[in-house]
């Protein structure tokens, strides 16, 4: 009886996991939702010194997972023409750009900032930082985001699309005109990109020019 009960519980847990996966897949009705989901996981996974739980007992994040999510992000954008019109065309180019820049958004910016130090700037002893932090995380996050902009959008686009992409990038800059593109929430584009976002945008603008 104990064995049969255990088997029943196991099959029930497996069915529950399958229903959960099916629900998440059914929510992927647009490219924007897929990209925003990947962006959220990218931020959640943690960096060099932090490996956050990603949903399972043995499913943890870390820098390697963050790199892998970036590769998936880039490949998904490369395969955009094969995703079907209902999924791909439901997301505008500015929304795609905002989803990529979300990798370096406010939540990630909090992770990348150096922690507050104690008296005299010491990170040890009684002035120790309250969270793990590595200066390498910012460089890795910028490199991944830049690679997505380059390989996922610019390199696989026609010249006309590249010019439109260039205009969208320029519209993100702090001195852009009020005609800047709308974000995923329908609001105007980010008027004050943080330093990491600005660096990636400027590098890609110079590459396209």
Protein backbone atom coordinates (compact mmCIF):
# COMPACT_ATOMS: atom_id res chain seq x y z
CA UNK A 1 0.00 0.00 0.00
CA UNK A 2 2.81 2.33 0.85
CA UNK A 3 4.47 1.50 -2.46
CA UNK A 4 1.30 2.12 -4.44
CA UNK A 5 0.67 5.37 -2.60
CA UNK A 6 4.20 6.52 -3.31
CA UNK A 7 3.82 5.67 -6.98
CA UNK A 8 0.54 7.56 -7.10
CA UNK A 9 2.09 10.62 -5.50
CA UNK A 10 4.98 10.47 -7.94
CA UNK A 11 2.71 10.28 -10.98
CA UNK A 12 0.60 13.10 -9.58
CA UNK A 13 3.66 15.30 -9.12
CA UNK A 14 4.78 14.56 -12.67
CA UNK A 15 1.34 15.42 -14.04
CA UNK A 16 1.37 18.66 -12.08
CA UNK A 17 4.78 19.57 -13.49
CA UNK A 18 3.57 18.83 -17.01
CA UNK A 19 0.50 21.02 -16.53
CA UNK A 20 2.76 23.81 -15.28
CA UNK A 21 5.01 23.55 -18.33
CA UNK A 22 1.99 23.48 -20.64
CA UNK A 23 0.60 26.60 -18.99
CA UNK A 24 3.86 28.49 -19.43
CA UNK A 25 4.08 27.45 -23.08
CA UNK A 26 0.49 28.45 -23.72
CA UNK A 27 1.30 31.93 -22.41
CA UNK A 28 3.92 32.36 -25.15
CA UNK A 29 1.44 33.92 -27.56
CA UNK A 30 3.88 36.57 -28.75
CA UNK A 31 7.59 37.07 -29.19
CA UNK A 32 7.42 39.87 -26.63
CA UNK A 33 6.26 37.51 -23.91
CA UNK A 34 8.98 35.01 -24.74
CA UNK A 35 11.67 37.69 -24.66
CA UNK A 36 10.39 39.24 -21.44
CA UNK A 37 10.35 35.80 -19.81
CA UNK A 38 13.96 35.19 -20.86
CA UNK A 39 14.94 38.66 -19.63
CA UNK A 40 13.40 37.96 -16.22
CA UNK A 41 15.27 34.64 -15.98
CA UNK A 42 18.49 36.37 -17.06
CA UNK A 43 18.26 38.81 -14.18
CA UNK A 44 17.11 36.18 -11.70
CA UNK A 45 19.90 33.68 -12.43
CA UNK A 46 22.59 35.67 -10.61
CA UNK A 47 26.23 36.28 -11.49
CA UNK A 48 29.71 35.09 -10.65
CA UNK A 49 29.24 34.88 -6.88
CA UNK A 50 25.49 34.25 -6.76
CA UNK A 51 23.71 31.18 -8.10
CA UNK A 52 20.01 31.72 -7.50
CA UNK A 53 17.39 29.00 -7.44
CA UNK A 54 15.71 28.75 -10.83
CA UNK A 55 12.73 26.58 -9.92
CA UNK A 56 13.94 23.11 -9.02
CA UNK A 57 15.91 21.39 -6.27
CA UNK A 58 18.99 21.10 -8.50
CA UNK A 59 18.17 23.97 -10.87
CA UNK A 60 20.41 26.90 -10.03
CA UNK A 61 21.63 29.90 -11.95
CA UNK A 62 24.96 31.65 -12.04
CA UNK A 63 27.12 33.28 -14.67
CA UNK A 64 27.18 30.24 -16.98
CA UNK A 65 23.39 30.05 -16.95
CA UNK A 66 23.21 33.77 -17.70
CA UNK A 67 25.45 33.26 -20.74
CA UNK A 68 23.26 30.36 -21.90
CA UNK A 69 20.09 32.43 -21.61
CA UNK A 70 21.78 35.12 -23.70
CA UNK A 71 22.54 32.57 -26.43
CA UNK A 72 18.91 31.42 -26.41
CA UNK A 73 17.78 35.04 -26.61
CA UNK A 74 19.99 35.68 -29.64
CA UNK A 75 18.99 32.47 -31.43
CA UNK A 76 15.31 33.16 -30.85
CA UNK A 77 15.65 36.55 -32.54
CA UNK A 78 17.58 34.99 -35.42
CA UNK A 79 14.73 32.52 -35.94
CA UNK A 80 12.07 35.23 -35.85
CA UNK A 81 11.01 34.70 -39.51
CA UNK A 82 10.32 31.03 -38.75
CA UNK A 83 8.18 31.67 -35.67
CA UNK A 84 5.05 32.43 -37.65
CA UNK A 85 3.27 35.69 -38.23
CA UNK A 86 1.00 35.41 -35.19
CA UNK A 87 3.98 35.25 -32.80
CA UNK A 88 6.67 37.29 -34.55
CA UNK A 89 4.63 40.11 -36.06
CA UNK A 90 2.75 40.75 -32.82
CA UNK A 91 5.95 42.34 -31.46
CA UNK A 92 7.18 45.60 -32.95
CA UNK A 93 10.91 46.32 -33.44
CA UNK A 94 10.93 48.93 -30.62
CA UNK A 95 9.34 46.38 -28.28
CA UNK A 96 12.04 43.88 -29.24
CA UNK A 97 14.73 46.46 -28.47
CA UNK A 98 13.16 47.24 -25.10
CA UNK A 99 13.08 43.53 -24.25
CA UNK A 100 16.81 43.27 -24.99
CA UNK A 101 17.65 46.37 -22.96
CA UNK A 102 15.62 44.92 -20.09
CA UNK A 103 18.60 42.60 -19.54
CA UNK A 104 20.37 45.69 -18.19
CA UNK A 105 17.28 47.32 -16.70
CA UNK A 106 16.70 48.65 -13.17
CA UNK A 107 16.62 45.20 -11.54
CA UNK A 108 19.94 44.22 -13.12
CA UNK A 109 21.41 47.65 -12.40
CA UNK A 110 20.83 47.07 -8.68
CA UNK A 111 22.81 43.83 -8.91
CA UNK A 112 25.68 45.43 -10.82
CA UNK A 113 26.17 48.38 -8.50
CA UNK A 114 28.97 48.02 -5.93
CA UNK A 115 27.57 47.39 -2.46
CA UNK A 116 27.72 50.07 0.18
CA UNK A 117 31.00 49.90 2.06
CA UNK A 118 31.72 50.46 5.69
CA UNK A 119 33.73 53.23 7.28
CA UNK A 120 36.81 53.93 5.22
CA UNK A 121 35.46 51.98 2.25
CA UNK A 122 36.39 48.58 3.65
CA UNK A 123 34.50 45.50 2.48
CA UNK A 124 35.77 43.34 5.31
CA UNK A 125 35.23 43.11 9.03
CA UNK A 126 32.35 45.03 10.55
CA UNK A 127 31.91 47.01 7.32
CA UNK A 128 31.38 43.92 5.20
CA UNK A 129 28.97 44.08 2.29
CA UNK A 130 25.54 42.60 2.84
CA UNK A 131 25.50 40.85 -0.54
CA UNK A 132 27.90 39.05 -2.85
CA UNK A 133 29.16 41.23 -5.67
CA UNK A 134 31.69 40.89 -8.47
CA UNK A 135 32.87 43.65 -10.79
CA UNK A 136 33.02 41.03 -13.57
CA UNK A 137 29.22 40.72 -13.68
CA UNK A 138 28.72 44.11 -15.33
CA UNK A 139 31.14 43.32 -18.14
CA UNK A 140 29.56 39.93 -18.76
CA UNK A 141 26.03 41.37 -18.80
CA UNK A 142 27.05 44.13 -21.24
CA UNK A 143 28.87 41.67 -23.49
CA UNK A 144 25.83 39.37 -23.63
CA UNK A 145 23.44 42.24 -24.33
CA UNK A 146 25.69 43.65 -27.04
CA UNK A 147 25.98 40.23 -28.65
CA UNK A 148 22.19 39.90 -28.77
CA UNK A 149 21.83 43.32 -30.40
CA UNK A 150 24.52 42.45 -32.94
CA UNK A 151 23.87 38.78 -33.75
CA UNK A 152 20.17 38.61 -32.96
CA UNK A 153 19.04 41.77 -34.76
CA UNK A 154 21.64 43.73 -36.76
CA UNK A 155 23.54 40.99 -38.58
CA UNK A 156 20.45 39.07 -39.70
CA UNK A 157 18.51 42.11 -40.94
CA UNK A 158 18.26 43.77 -44.32
CA UNK A 159 19.75 47.22 -44.87
CA UNK A 160 16.34 48.87 -44.56
CA UNK A 161 15.70 47.08 -41.27
CA UNK A 162 19.15 48.02 -40.02
CA UNK A 163 18.42 51.70 -40.72
CA UNK A 164 15.14 51.45 -38.81
CA UNK A 165 16.98 49.67 -35.98
CA UNK A 166 19.54 52.49 -35.94
CA UNK A 167 16.72 55.03 -35.55
CA UNK A 168 15.26 53.04 -32.66
CA UNK A 169 18.66 52.96 -30.96
CA UNK A 170 19.14 56.70 -31.37
CA UNK A 171 15.65 57.29 -29.95
CA UNK A 172 16.73 55.57 -26.72
CA UNK A 173 19.47 58.13 -26.08
CA UNK A 174 18.78 60.76 -23.39
CA UNK A 175 18.73 63.63 -25.91
CA UNK A 176 16.27 61.87 -28.27
CA UNK A 177 13.22 63.74 -29.57
CA UNK A 178 9.65 63.16 -28.29
CA UNK A 179 9.08 60.90 -31.32
CA UNK A 180 11.06 58.13 -29.64
CA UNK A 181 9.46 54.64 -29.82
CA UNK A 182 7.00 53.25 -27.33
CA UNK A 183 8.02 50.59 -24.86
CA UNK A 184 6.28 47.27 -24.18
CA UNK A 185 3.90 48.95 -21.71
CA UNK A 186 2.83 51.60 -24.22
CA UNK A 187 4.73 54.35 -22.43
CA UNK A 188 7.36 56.53 -24.06
CA UNK A 189 10.85 55.14 -24.41
CA UNK A 190 13.24 55.18 -21.49
CA UNK A 191 14.35 58.84 -21.21
CA UNK A 192 17.26 58.05 -18.92
CA UNK A 193 18.99 54.78 -19.81
CA UNK A 194 21.45 53.66 -17.17
CA UNK A 195 25.18 53.59 -17.84
CA UNK A 196 25.27 49.94 -18.90
CA UNK A 197 22.35 50.30 -21.32
CA UNK A 198 23.84 53.49 -22.74
CA UNK A 199 27.18 51.82 -23.38
CA UNK A 200 25.60 48.94 -25.29
CA UNK A 201 23.41 51.28 -27.34
CA UNK A 202 26.31 53.57 -28.27
CA UNK A 203 28.52 50.64 -29.29
CA UNK A 204 25.81 49.23 -31.56
CA UNK A 205 25.08 52.65 -33.06
CA UNK A 206 28.76 53.04 -33.96
CA UNK A 207 28.78 49.55 -35.47
CA UNK A 208 25.74 50.22 -37.66
CA UNK A 209 27.10 53.57 -38.83
